[in-house]
């Protein structure tokens, strides 16, 4: 996913602050991470779940993109709970 710019929802900002995830880490995750799930029916734009390891810590970012403008909308970001995800953090248990 190539983003021209980033826009953060209020929910994303609150969750990132609560979870100690920086905007730089989110943007690095989007640029270099692996798409592990698509949400094609999300509105107003389809979204996806991206996995990236920041300092060996897994981070999930849910992001959507307005293809016409190139703006990526950050919906949320979190560290996946190992009790809820498989060992590679790609599938829920």
N, C-alpha and C. Protein backbone atom coordinates (compact mmCIF):
# COMPACT_ATOMS: atom_id res chain seq x y z
N UNK A 1 0.85 -1.17 0.00
CA UNK A 1 0.00 0.00 0.00
C UNK A 1 0.90 1.23 0.00
N UNK A 2 0.68 2.09 -0.95
CA UNK A 2 1.45 3.33 -1.04
C UNK A 2 0.55 4.48 -0.65
N UNK A 3 0.90 5.16 0.43
CA UNK A 3 0.08 6.23 0.97
C UNK A 3 0.72 7.58 0.66
N UNK A 4 -0.08 8.47 0.11
CA UNK A 4 0.39 9.83 -0.15
C UNK A 4 0.39 10.63 1.15
N UNK A 5 -0.58 10.33 2.00
CA UNK A 5 -0.71 11.02 3.28
C UNK A 5 -1.44 10.08 4.24
N UNK A 6 -1.40 10.41 5.53
CA UNK A 6 -2.05 9.60 6.55
C UNK A 6 -3.05 10.44 7.31
N UNK A 7 -4.20 9.85 7.62
CA UNK A 7 -5.20 10.50 8.46
C UNK A 7 -5.58 9.51 9.55
N UNK A 8 -5.63 10.00 10.78
CA UNK A 8 -5.87 9.14 11.94
C UNK A 8 -7.25 9.43 12.53
N UNK A 9 -8.02 8.36 12.76
CA UNK A 9 -9.31 8.53 13.43
C UNK A 9 -9.03 8.87 14.89
N UNK A 10 -10.02 9.49 15.54
CA UNK A 10 -9.89 9.78 16.97
C UNK A 10 -9.68 8.48 17.75
N UNK A 11 -10.38 7.43 17.34
CA UNK A 11 -10.22 6.12 17.99
C UNK A 11 -8.77 5.64 17.87
N UNK A 12 -8.19 5.75 16.67
CA UNK A 12 -6.82 5.30 16.46
C UNK A 12 -5.85 6.07 17.35
N UNK A 13 -6.01 7.37 17.41
CA UNK A 13 -5.11 8.20 18.23
C UNK A 13 -5.21 7.80 19.70
N UNK A 14 -6.43 7.63 20.19
CA UNK A 14 -6.62 7.25 21.59
C UNK A 14 -6.01 5.88 21.87
N UNK A 15 -6.23 4.93 20.99
CA UNK A 15 -5.72 3.57 21.21
C UNK A 15 -4.19 3.53 21.09
N UNK A 16 -3.63 4.28 20.15
CA UNK A 16 -2.18 4.32 20.00
C UNK A 16 -1.54 4.89 21.27
N UNK A 17 -2.11 5.97 21.79
CA UNK A 17 -1.58 6.59 23.00
C UNK A 17 -1.66 5.60 24.17
N UNK A 18 -2.83 4.97 24.32
CA UNK A 18 -3.06 4.01 25.40
C UNK A 18 -2.10 2.83 25.32
N UNK A 19 -1.76 2.42 24.09
CA UNK A 19 -0.95 1.22 23.87
C UNK A 19 0.53 1.51 23.61
N UNK A 20 0.90 2.77 23.61
CA UNK A 20 2.30 3.14 23.43
C UNK A 20 2.83 2.88 22.03
N UNK A 21 1.97 3.08 21.03
CA UNK A 21 2.37 2.89 19.63
C UNK A 21 2.43 4.26 18.97
N UNK A 22 3.56 4.58 18.38
CA UNK A 22 3.75 5.91 17.78
C UNK A 22 3.23 5.95 16.35
N UNK A 23 3.02 7.17 15.86
CA UNK A 23 2.61 7.36 14.46
C UNK A 23 3.70 6.84 13.52
N UNK A 24 4.96 7.04 13.89
CA UNK A 24 6.05 6.53 13.06
C UNK A 24 5.99 5.00 12.95
N UNK A 25 5.67 4.34 14.05
CA UNK A 25 5.56 2.88 14.03
C UNK A 25 4.38 2.43 13.18
N UNK A 26 3.27 3.14 13.25
CA UNK A 26 2.10 2.81 12.44
C UNK A 26 2.43 2.98 10.96
N UNK A 27 3.05 4.09 10.62
CA UNK A 27 3.36 4.36 9.21
C UNK A 27 4.42 3.40 8.69
N UNK A 28 5.38 3.04 9.51
CA UNK A 28 6.37 2.02 9.14
C UNK A 28 5.69 0.68 8.90
N UNK A 29 4.72 0.36 9.75
CA UNK A 29 3.98 -0.90 9.61
C UNK A 29 3.23 -0.95 8.29
N UNK A 30 2.60 0.15 7.93
CA UNK A 30 1.85 0.20 6.67
C UNK A 30 2.79 0.08 5.47
N UNK A 31 3.91 0.75 5.54
CA UNK A 31 4.87 0.74 4.42
C UNK A 31 5.56 -0.60 4.26
N UNK A 32 5.86 -1.29 5.36
CA UNK A 32 6.70 -2.48 5.31
C UNK A 32 6.04 -3.76 5.79
N UNK A 33 4.82 -3.66 6.31
CA UNK A 33 4.17 -4.81 6.89
C UNK A 33 3.52 -5.74 5.88
N UNK A 34 2.94 -6.80 6.41
CA UNK A 34 2.29 -7.83 5.61
C UNK A 34 0.78 -7.73 5.79
N UNK A 35 0.06 -7.65 4.69
CA UNK A 35 -1.40 -7.66 4.76
C UNK A 35 -1.83 -9.08 5.10
N UNK A 36 -2.56 -9.22 6.22
CA UNK A 36 -2.98 -10.56 6.65
C UNK A 36 -4.48 -10.79 6.52
N UNK A 37 -5.25 -9.73 6.34
CA UNK A 37 -6.70 -9.89 6.18
C UNK A 37 -7.27 -8.68 5.46
N UNK A 38 -8.20 -8.95 4.55
CA UNK A 38 -8.93 -7.89 3.85
C UNK A 38 -10.33 -7.78 4.42
N UNK A 39 -10.83 -6.56 4.46
CA UNK A 39 -12.21 -6.28 4.84
C UNK A 39 -12.85 -5.51 3.69
N UNK A 40 -13.21 -6.20 2.61
CA UNK A 40 -13.67 -5.53 1.39
C UNK A 40 -15.00 -4.81 1.53
N UNK A 41 -15.80 -5.16 2.54
CA UNK A 41 -17.12 -4.55 2.69
C UNK A 41 -17.13 -3.34 3.61
N UNK A 42 -15.97 -2.98 4.18
CA UNK A 42 -15.92 -1.81 5.05
C UNK A 42 -16.25 -0.55 4.26
N UNK A 43 -16.85 0.41 4.94
CA UNK A 43 -17.25 1.68 4.33
C UNK A 43 -16.60 2.82 5.09
N UNK A 44 -16.25 3.90 4.46
CA UNK A 44 -16.50 4.22 3.06
C UNK A 44 -15.50 3.60 2.09
N UNK A 45 -14.41 3.01 2.63
CA UNK A 45 -13.41 2.36 1.78
C UNK A 45 -13.10 0.98 2.33
N UNK A 46 -12.78 0.04 1.49
CA UNK A 46 -12.34 -1.27 1.99
C UNK A 46 -11.10 -1.08 2.88
N UNK A 47 -10.96 -1.94 3.87
CA UNK A 47 -9.80 -1.84 4.76
C UNK A 47 -9.08 -3.17 4.83
N UNK A 48 -7.96 -3.16 5.54
CA UNK A 48 -7.19 -4.39 5.72
C UNK A 48 -6.46 -4.34 7.05
N UNK A 49 -6.05 -5.54 7.47
CA UNK A 49 -5.26 -5.69 8.69
C UNK A 49 -3.82 -5.95 8.27
N UNK A 50 -2.91 -5.16 8.81
CA UNK A 50 -1.49 -5.29 8.49
C UNK A 50 -0.74 -5.71 9.75
N UNK A 51 0.19 -6.64 9.57
CA UNK A 51 1.05 -7.11 10.65
C UNK A 51 2.48 -6.66 10.36
N UNK A 52 3.11 -6.13 11.40
CA UNK A 52 4.52 -5.75 11.28
C UNK A 52 5.15 -5.91 12.66
N UNK A 53 6.42 -6.22 12.68
CA UNK A 53 7.14 -6.35 13.95
C UNK A 53 8.00 -5.11 14.16
N UNK A 54 7.70 -4.39 15.21
CA UNK A 54 8.44 -3.18 15.59
C UNK A 54 9.27 -3.54 16.81
N UNK A 55 10.58 -3.50 16.66
CA UNK A 55 11.48 -3.89 17.75
C UNK A 55 11.10 -5.26 18.30
N UNK A 56 10.81 -6.18 17.38
CA UNK A 56 10.47 -7.58 17.69
C UNK A 56 9.12 -7.74 18.36
N UNK A 57 8.33 -6.66 18.42
CA UNK A 57 7.00 -6.69 19.01
C UNK A 57 5.97 -6.63 17.88
N UNK A 58 5.00 -7.58 17.86
CA UNK A 58 4.01 -7.55 16.80
C UNK A 58 3.05 -6.36 16.95
N UNK A 59 2.74 -5.75 15.83
CA UNK A 59 1.78 -4.64 15.79
C UNK A 59 0.79 -4.93 14.69
N UNK A 60 -0.49 -4.76 14.99
CA UNK A 60 -1.55 -4.84 13.99
C UNK A 60 -2.05 -3.42 13.73
N UNK A 61 -2.24 -3.11 12.45
CA UNK A 61 -2.81 -1.83 12.06
C UNK A 61 -3.97 -2.12 11.11
N UNK A 62 -5.11 -1.51 11.39
CA UNK A 62 -6.24 -1.59 10.47
C UNK A 62 -6.28 -0.25 9.73
N UNK A 63 -6.23 -0.34 8.41
CA UNK A 63 -6.11 0.85 7.57
C UNK A 63 -6.99 0.72 6.34
N UNK A 64 -7.53 1.84 5.89
CA UNK A 64 -8.26 1.88 4.63
C UNK A 64 -7.63 2.97 3.78
N UNK A 65 -7.93 2.94 2.49
CA UNK A 65 -7.32 3.92 1.60
C UNK A 65 -8.32 4.41 0.57
N UNK A 66 -8.33 5.73 0.39
CA UNK A 66 -9.06 6.34 -0.71
C UNK A 66 -8.11 6.31 -1.90
N UNK A 67 -8.35 5.40 -2.82
CA UNK A 67 -7.45 5.20 -3.96
C UNK A 67 -7.32 6.47 -4.79
N UNK A 68 -8.41 7.23 -4.93
CA UNK A 68 -8.36 8.41 -5.79
C UNK A 68 -7.43 9.50 -5.24
N UNK A 69 -7.33 9.61 -3.91
CA UNK A 69 -6.47 10.65 -3.32
C UNK A 69 -5.16 10.09 -2.78
N UNK A 70 -5.11 8.77 -2.53
CA UNK A 70 -3.92 8.16 -1.95
C UNK A 70 -3.82 8.31 -0.44
N UNK A 71 -4.86 8.88 0.18
CA UNK A 71 -4.84 9.06 1.63
C UNK A 71 -5.17 7.73 2.31
N UNK A 72 -4.35 7.37 3.29
CA UNK A 72 -4.59 6.17 4.09
C UNK A 72 -5.19 6.61 5.42
N UNK A 73 -6.29 5.97 5.78
CA UNK A 73 -7.00 6.27 7.01
C UNK A 73 -6.70 5.19 8.04
N UNK A 74 -6.08 5.59 9.14
CA UNK A 74 -5.74 4.66 10.20
C UNK A 74 -6.97 4.51 11.09
N UNK A 75 -7.48 3.29 11.17
CA UNK A 75 -8.68 3.02 11.95
C UNK A 75 -8.31 2.65 13.38
N UNK A 76 -7.31 1.78 13.54
CA UNK A 76 -6.80 1.43 14.87
C UNK A 76 -5.43 0.77 14.74
N UNK A 77 -4.74 0.69 15.85
CA UNK A 77 -3.44 0.01 15.92
C UNK A 77 -3.33 -0.59 17.31
N UNK A 78 -2.79 -1.81 17.38
CA UNK A 78 -2.69 -2.48 18.67
C UNK A 78 -1.64 -3.58 18.61
N UNK A 79 -1.22 -4.01 19.78
CA UNK A 79 -0.35 -5.18 19.91
C UNK A 79 -1.27 -6.38 20.10
N UNK A 80 -1.24 -7.35 19.18
CA UNK A 80 -2.16 -8.48 19.30
C UNK A 80 -1.87 -9.32 20.55
N UNK A 81 -2.94 -9.75 21.19
CA UNK A 81 -2.85 -10.58 22.38
C UNK A 81 -2.50 -12.01 21.97
N UNK A 82 -1.37 -12.55 22.45
CA UNK A 82 -0.98 -13.92 22.08
C UNK A 82 -2.01 -14.98 22.45
N UNK A 83 -2.87 -14.68 23.41
CA UNK A 83 -3.91 -15.64 23.79
C UNK A 83 -5.05 -15.69 22.77
N UNK A 84 -5.13 -14.66 21.92
CA UNK A 84 -6.22 -14.58 20.94
C UNK A 84 -5.77 -14.86 19.51
N UNK A 85 -4.45 -14.88 19.29
CA UNK A 85 -3.90 -15.04 17.94
C UNK A 85 -2.97 -16.24 17.89
N UNK A 86 -2.82 -16.82 16.71
CA UNK A 86 -1.90 -17.93 16.56
C UNK A 86 -0.46 -17.43 16.72
N UNK A 87 0.49 -18.34 16.67
CA UNK A 87 1.89 -18.03 16.97
C UNK A 87 2.50 -16.98 16.04
N UNK A 88 2.01 -16.90 14.80
CA UNK A 88 2.57 -15.90 13.88
C UNK A 88 1.73 -14.61 13.81
N UNK A 89 0.70 -14.52 14.64
CA UNK A 89 -0.16 -13.33 14.77
C UNK A 89 -0.93 -12.99 13.49
N UNK A 90 -1.17 -14.01 12.65
CA UNK A 90 -1.89 -13.77 11.41
C UNK A 90 -3.34 -14.23 11.43
N UNK A 91 -3.68 -15.13 12.35
CA UNK A 91 -5.03 -15.68 12.42
C UNK A 91 -5.50 -15.73 13.86
N UNK A 92 -6.76 -15.34 14.06
CA UNK A 92 -7.34 -15.46 15.39
C UNK A 92 -7.53 -16.93 15.74
N UNK A 93 -7.38 -17.23 17.00
CA UNK A 93 -7.55 -18.61 17.47
C UNK A 93 -9.05 -18.90 17.61
